[in-house]
C-alpha cells in the first residue's frame, strides 16, 4: 500500500474512535422557556387522535409540518411553525414549535 493511501485512511480510522453521545428522547424540540410561539396550546386536545383531526386546524396563519416515524426533515428552526409528530398508527403523539 502506498504512503498516500495510508495517510488518507488514518483520519477515517480516527473518526471511528469518537464516541457517540446519546440524545434523550424527552428533549424538547424548542428552547426551554421559549413559550408557545406557534400557538399550539389550543390544539393539545388533538394528541392521541387520528391524523384526520388535523383538518380542523386548516385556518392557521402559521406554517405546520407533519412528520411520521423515520421521515427525514430539515433542521431549520422556525418558532412560528407547528410540528405535529405522528406514530406508526397515524395518531398524533406530539405537538411542538420549531
N, C-alpha and C. Protein backbone atom coordinates (compact mmCIF):
# COMPACT_ATOMS: atom_id res chain seq x y z
N UNK A 1 0.85 -1.17 0.00
CA UNK A 1 0.00 0.00 0.00
C UNK A 1 0.90 1.23 0.00
N UNK A 2 0.52 2.22 -0.77
CA UNK A 2 1.35 3.42 -0.86
C UNK A 2 1.16 4.29 0.37
N UNK A 3 2.10 5.16 0.60
CA UNK A 3 2.07 6.07 1.75
C UNK A 3 0.86 7.02 1.67
N UNK A 4 0.44 7.36 0.47
CA UNK A 4 -0.70 8.26 0.30
C UNK A 4 -2.01 7.59 0.72
N UNK A 5 -2.14 6.31 0.42
CA UNK A 5 -3.35 5.59 0.84
C UNK A 5 -3.40 5.47 2.36
N UNK A 6 -2.27 5.18 2.95
CA UNK A 6 -2.22 5.07 4.40
C UNK A 6 -2.55 6.42 5.04
N UNK A 7 -2.00 7.49 4.48
CA UNK A 7 -2.26 8.83 5.01
C UNK A 7 -3.74 9.20 4.87
N UNK A 8 -4.39 8.71 3.85
CA UNK A 8 -5.81 9.00 3.65
C UNK A 8 -6.69 8.17 4.59
N UNK A 9 -6.24 6.98 4.97
CA UNK A 9 -7.04 6.11 5.83
C UNK A 9 -6.91 6.44 7.32
N UNK A 10 -5.83 7.08 7.73
CA UNK A 10 -5.62 7.40 9.14
C UNK A 10 -6.74 8.29 9.69
N UNK A 11 -7.12 9.40 9.03
CA UNK A 11 -8.21 10.22 9.57
C UNK A 11 -9.54 9.46 9.66
N UNK A 12 -9.80 8.58 8.72
CA UNK A 12 -11.03 7.79 8.77
C UNK A 12 -11.02 6.84 9.97
N UNK A 13 -9.88 6.23 10.22
CA UNK A 13 -9.78 5.32 11.37
C UNK A 13 -9.94 6.08 12.68
N UNK A 14 -9.38 7.26 12.77
CA UNK A 14 -9.51 8.06 13.98
C UNK A 14 -10.94 8.55 14.18
N UNK A 15 -11.64 8.87 13.11
CA UNK A 15 -13.02 9.33 13.21
C UNK A 15 -13.92 8.24 13.78
N UNK A 16 -13.58 6.99 13.53
CA UNK A 16 -14.38 5.88 14.04
C UNK A 16 -14.23 5.71 15.55
N UNK A 17 -13.23 6.32 16.14
CA UNK A 17 -12.98 6.20 17.58
C UNK A 17 -13.74 7.22 18.41
N UNK A 18 -14.41 8.16 17.78
CA UNK A 18 -15.13 9.21 18.51
C UNK A 18 -16.41 8.63 19.09
N UNK A 19 -16.65 8.78 20.40
CA UNK A 19 -17.87 8.24 21.00
C UNK A 19 -19.10 9.03 20.56
N UNK A 20 -20.22 8.33 20.45
CA UNK A 20 -21.48 8.96 20.08
C UNK A 20 -22.23 9.30 21.36
N UNK A 21 -22.67 10.55 21.47
CA UNK A 21 -23.42 10.98 22.65
C UNK A 21 -24.90 10.72 22.42
N UNK A 22 -25.53 9.88 23.25
CA UNK A 22 -26.96 9.61 23.06
C UNK A 22 -27.80 10.84 23.40
N UNK A 23 -28.91 10.99 22.67
CA UNK A 23 -29.83 12.11 22.89
C UNK A 23 -31.04 11.58 23.64
N UNK A 24 -31.42 12.27 24.69
CA UNK A 24 -32.59 11.89 25.46
C UNK A 24 -33.84 12.14 24.62
N UNK A 25 -34.70 11.11 24.40
CA UNK A 25 -35.90 11.31 23.59
C UNK A 25 -36.88 12.32 24.19
N UNK A 26 -36.72 12.65 25.46
CA UNK A 26 -37.60 13.62 26.09
C UNK A 26 -37.13 15.05 25.93
N UNK A 27 -36.05 15.26 25.16
CA UNK A 27 -35.54 16.60 24.95
C UNK A 27 -36.54 17.41 24.13
N UNK A 28 -36.89 18.61 24.58
CA UNK A 28 -37.87 19.40 23.82
C UNK A 28 -37.32 19.85 22.47
N UNK A 29 -38.22 20.01 21.51
CA UNK A 29 -37.81 20.41 20.17
C UNK A 29 -37.61 21.91 20.05
N UNK A 30 -37.87 22.64 21.10
CA UNK A 30 -37.67 24.08 21.07
C UNK A 30 -36.99 24.50 22.36
N UNK A 31 -36.30 25.63 22.37
CA UNK A 31 -35.57 26.05 23.57
C UNK A 31 -36.49 26.20 24.78
N UNK A 32 -36.01 25.73 25.91
CA UNK A 32 -36.79 25.83 27.15
C UNK A 32 -37.03 27.30 27.46
N UNK A 33 -38.26 27.62 27.79
CA UNK A 33 -38.62 29.00 28.11
C UNK A 33 -39.04 29.81 26.90
N UNK A 34 -39.07 29.17 25.73
CA UNK A 34 -39.44 29.90 24.52
C UNK A 34 -40.93 30.21 24.49
N UNK A 35 -41.71 29.46 25.25
CA UNK A 35 -43.15 29.70 25.28
C UNK A 35 -43.86 29.07 24.09
N UNK A 36 -45.11 29.38 23.98
CA UNK A 36 -45.94 28.83 22.92
C UNK A 36 -45.91 29.77 21.72
N UNK A 37 -44.82 29.77 21.00
CA UNK A 37 -44.64 30.71 19.88
C UNK A 37 -45.42 30.31 18.64
N UNK A 38 -45.90 29.05 18.59
CA UNK A 38 -46.62 28.59 17.39
C UNK A 38 -48.10 28.39 17.65
N UNK A 39 -48.58 28.85 18.82
CA UNK A 39 -50.00 28.76 19.15
C UNK A 39 -50.49 27.31 19.20
N UNK A 40 -49.70 26.45 19.85
CA UNK A 40 -50.04 25.03 19.93
C UNK A 40 -50.96 24.70 21.11
N UNK A 41 -51.01 25.56 22.12
CA UNK A 41 -51.78 25.26 23.33
C UNK A 41 -53.24 24.91 23.05
N UNK A 42 -53.94 25.62 22.15
CA UNK A 42 -55.34 25.26 21.91
C UNK A 42 -55.51 23.91 21.21
N UNK A 43 -54.42 23.35 20.69
CA UNK A 43 -54.51 22.11 19.91
C UNK A 43 -54.09 20.87 20.70
N UNK A 44 -53.79 21.02 21.98
CA UNK A 44 -53.33 19.89 22.80
C UNK A 44 -54.36 18.77 22.81
N UNK A 45 -55.61 19.09 22.65
CA UNK A 45 -56.67 18.06 22.65
C UNK A 45 -56.54 17.11 21.46
N UNK A 46 -55.74 17.46 20.46
CA UNK A 46 -55.56 16.59 19.29
C UNK A 46 -54.64 15.41 19.58
N UNK A 47 -53.83 15.50 20.63
CA UNK A 47 -52.88 14.42 20.93
C UNK A 47 -53.65 13.14 21.24
N UNK A 48 -53.26 12.07 20.57
CA UNK A 48 -53.92 10.78 20.72
C UNK A 48 -54.97 10.52 19.66
N UNK A 49 -55.35 11.55 18.93
CA UNK A 49 -56.37 11.40 17.89
C UNK A 49 -55.73 11.03 16.56
N UNK A 50 -56.55 10.59 15.63
CA UNK A 50 -56.10 10.23 14.29
C UNK A 50 -55.64 11.48 13.54
N UNK A 51 -54.74 11.31 12.59
CA UNK A 51 -54.22 12.45 11.84
C UNK A 51 -55.30 13.20 11.07
N UNK A 52 -56.43 12.56 10.81
CA UNK A 52 -57.52 13.24 10.10
C UNK A 52 -58.06 14.41 10.92
N UNK A 53 -57.79 14.43 12.22
CA UNK A 53 -58.23 15.54 13.08
C UNK A 53 -57.50 16.83 12.74
N UNK A 54 -56.40 16.74 12.00
CA UNK A 54 -55.66 17.94 11.60
C UNK A 54 -56.45 18.80 10.63
N UNK A 55 -57.47 18.23 10.01
CA UNK A 55 -58.30 19.02 9.09
C UNK A 55 -59.02 20.15 9.82
N UNK A 56 -59.18 20.02 11.13
CA UNK A 56 -59.86 21.05 11.90
C UNK A 56 -58.99 22.28 12.14
N UNK A 57 -57.70 22.19 11.86
CA UNK A 57 -56.80 23.33 12.08
C UNK A 57 -56.36 23.94 10.75
N UNK A 58 -57.16 23.80 9.74
CA UNK A 58 -56.82 24.28 8.41
C UNK A 58 -56.74 25.79 8.27
N UNK A 59 -57.30 26.55 9.20
CA UNK A 59 -57.31 28.01 9.10
C UNK A 59 -56.11 28.68 9.75
N UNK A 60 -55.08 27.95 10.09
CA UNK A 60 -53.91 28.51 10.77
C UNK A 60 -53.17 29.49 9.86
N UNK A 61 -52.75 30.62 10.44
CA UNK A 61 -51.90 31.57 9.71
C UNK A 61 -50.47 31.06 9.67
N UNK A 62 -50.06 30.42 10.77
CA UNK A 62 -48.69 29.96 10.89
C UNK A 62 -48.49 28.64 10.15
N UNK A 63 -47.26 28.36 9.72
CA UNK A 63 -46.99 27.11 9.00
C UNK A 63 -47.11 25.90 9.93
N UNK A 64 -47.36 24.74 9.32
CA UNK A 64 -47.48 23.49 10.08
C UNK A 64 -46.72 22.40 9.32
N UNK A 65 -45.96 21.58 10.08
CA UNK A 65 -45.22 20.46 9.48
C UNK A 65 -45.65 19.18 10.17
N UNK A 66 -46.04 18.19 9.38
CA UNK A 66 -46.47 16.89 9.90
C UNK A 66 -45.38 15.88 9.55
N UNK A 67 -44.90 15.15 10.58
CA UNK A 67 -43.85 14.16 10.34
C UNK A 67 -44.29 12.79 10.86
N UNK A 68 -43.82 11.77 10.16
CA UNK A 68 -44.10 10.39 10.52
C UNK A 68 -42.80 9.71 10.94
N UNK A 69 -42.86 8.56 11.62
CA UNK A 69 -41.63 7.89 12.06
C UNK A 69 -40.71 7.58 10.88
N UNK A 70 -39.44 7.89 11.04
CA UNK A 70 -38.45 7.61 10.02
C UNK A 70 -38.40 8.61 8.89
N UNK A 71 -39.27 9.58 8.89
CA UNK A 71 -39.31 10.57 7.81
C UNK A 71 -38.22 11.61 8.03
N UNK A 72 -37.51 11.95 6.97
CA UNK A 72 -36.48 12.98 7.05
C UNK A 72 -37.14 14.36 7.13
N UNK A 73 -36.50 15.25 7.89
CA UNK A 73 -36.99 16.63 7.94
C UNK A 73 -35.81 17.57 8.09
N UNK A 74 -36.02 18.79 7.68
CA UNK A 74 -34.96 19.78 7.75
C UNK A 74 -34.71 20.18 9.19
N UNK A 75 -33.52 20.71 9.46
CA UNK A 75 -33.14 21.10 10.81
C UNK A 75 -33.33 22.60 11.05
N UNK A 76 -33.97 23.29 10.11
CA UNK A 76 -34.18 24.73 10.30
C UNK A 76 -35.19 24.95 11.43
N UNK A 77 -35.01 26.04 12.15
CA UNK A 77 -35.88 26.34 13.29
C UNK A 77 -36.73 27.55 12.96
N UNK A 78 -38.04 27.37 12.96
CA UNK A 78 -39.00 28.44 12.73
C UNK A 78 -39.93 28.45 13.94
N UNK A 79 -39.76 29.40 14.87
CA UNK A 79 -40.55 29.37 16.10
C UNK A 79 -42.06 29.48 15.86
N UNK A 80 -42.48 29.97 14.72
CA UNK A 80 -43.91 30.11 14.44
C UNK A 80 -44.51 28.84 13.84
N UNK A 81 -43.66 27.87 13.48
CA UNK A 81 -44.15 26.65 12.82
C UNK A 81 -44.59 25.62 13.87
N UNK A 82 -45.74 25.02 13.65
CA UNK A 82 -46.23 23.94 14.49
C UNK A 82 -45.75 22.62 13.90
N UNK A 83 -45.04 21.83 14.70
CA UNK A 83 -44.61 20.50 14.29
C UNK A 83 -45.55 19.48 14.90
N UNK A 84 -46.11 18.62 14.07
CA UNK A 84 -47.02 17.58 14.52
C UNK A 84 -46.34 16.24 14.23
N UNK A 85 -46.09 15.47 15.28
CA UNK A 85 -45.45 14.16 15.12
C UNK A 85 -46.51 13.07 15.21
N UNK A 86 -46.49 12.16 14.23
CA UNK A 86 -47.42 11.04 14.19
C UNK A 86 -46.67 9.75 14.51
N UNK A 87 -47.38 8.75 15.03
CA UNK A 87 -46.75 7.45 15.25
C UNK A 87 -47.06 6.54 14.07
N UNK A 88 -46.65 5.27 14.16
CA UNK A 88 -46.86 4.33 13.06
C UNK A 88 -48.33 4.06 12.81
N UNK A 89 -49.17 4.25 13.81
CA UNK A 89 -50.62 4.04 13.66
C UNK A 89 -51.32 5.30 13.15
N UNK A 90 -50.56 6.30 12.75
CA UNK A 90 -51.08 7.56 12.21
C UNK A 90 -51.84 8.37 13.26
N UNK A 91 -51.42 8.25 14.51
CA UNK A 91 -52.02 9.03 15.60
C UNK A 91 -51.06 10.15 16.00
N UNK A 92 -51.62 11.27 16.43
CA UNK A 92 -50.82 12.42 16.85
C UNK A 92 -50.23 12.12 18.23
N UNK A 93 -48.89 12.18 18.32
CA UNK A 93 -48.23 11.87 19.59
C UNK A 93 -47.54 13.07 20.22
N UNK A 94 -47.28 14.12 19.43
CA UNK A 94 -46.57 15.27 19.99
C UNK A 94 -46.81 16.51 19.15
N UNK A 95 -46.95 17.63 19.83
CA UNK A 95 -47.02 18.94 19.20
C UNK A 95 -45.86 19.76 19.74
N UNK A 96 -45.15 20.45 18.86
CA UNK A 96 -44.05 21.30 19.32
C UNK A 96 -43.89 22.47 18.36
N UNK A 97 -43.20 23.48 18.82
CA UNK A 97 -42.91 24.64 17.98
C UNK A 97 -41.51 24.50 17.41
N UNK A 98 -41.32 24.95 16.21
CA UNK A 98 -39.99 24.93 15.62
C UNK A 98 -40.07 24.61 14.19
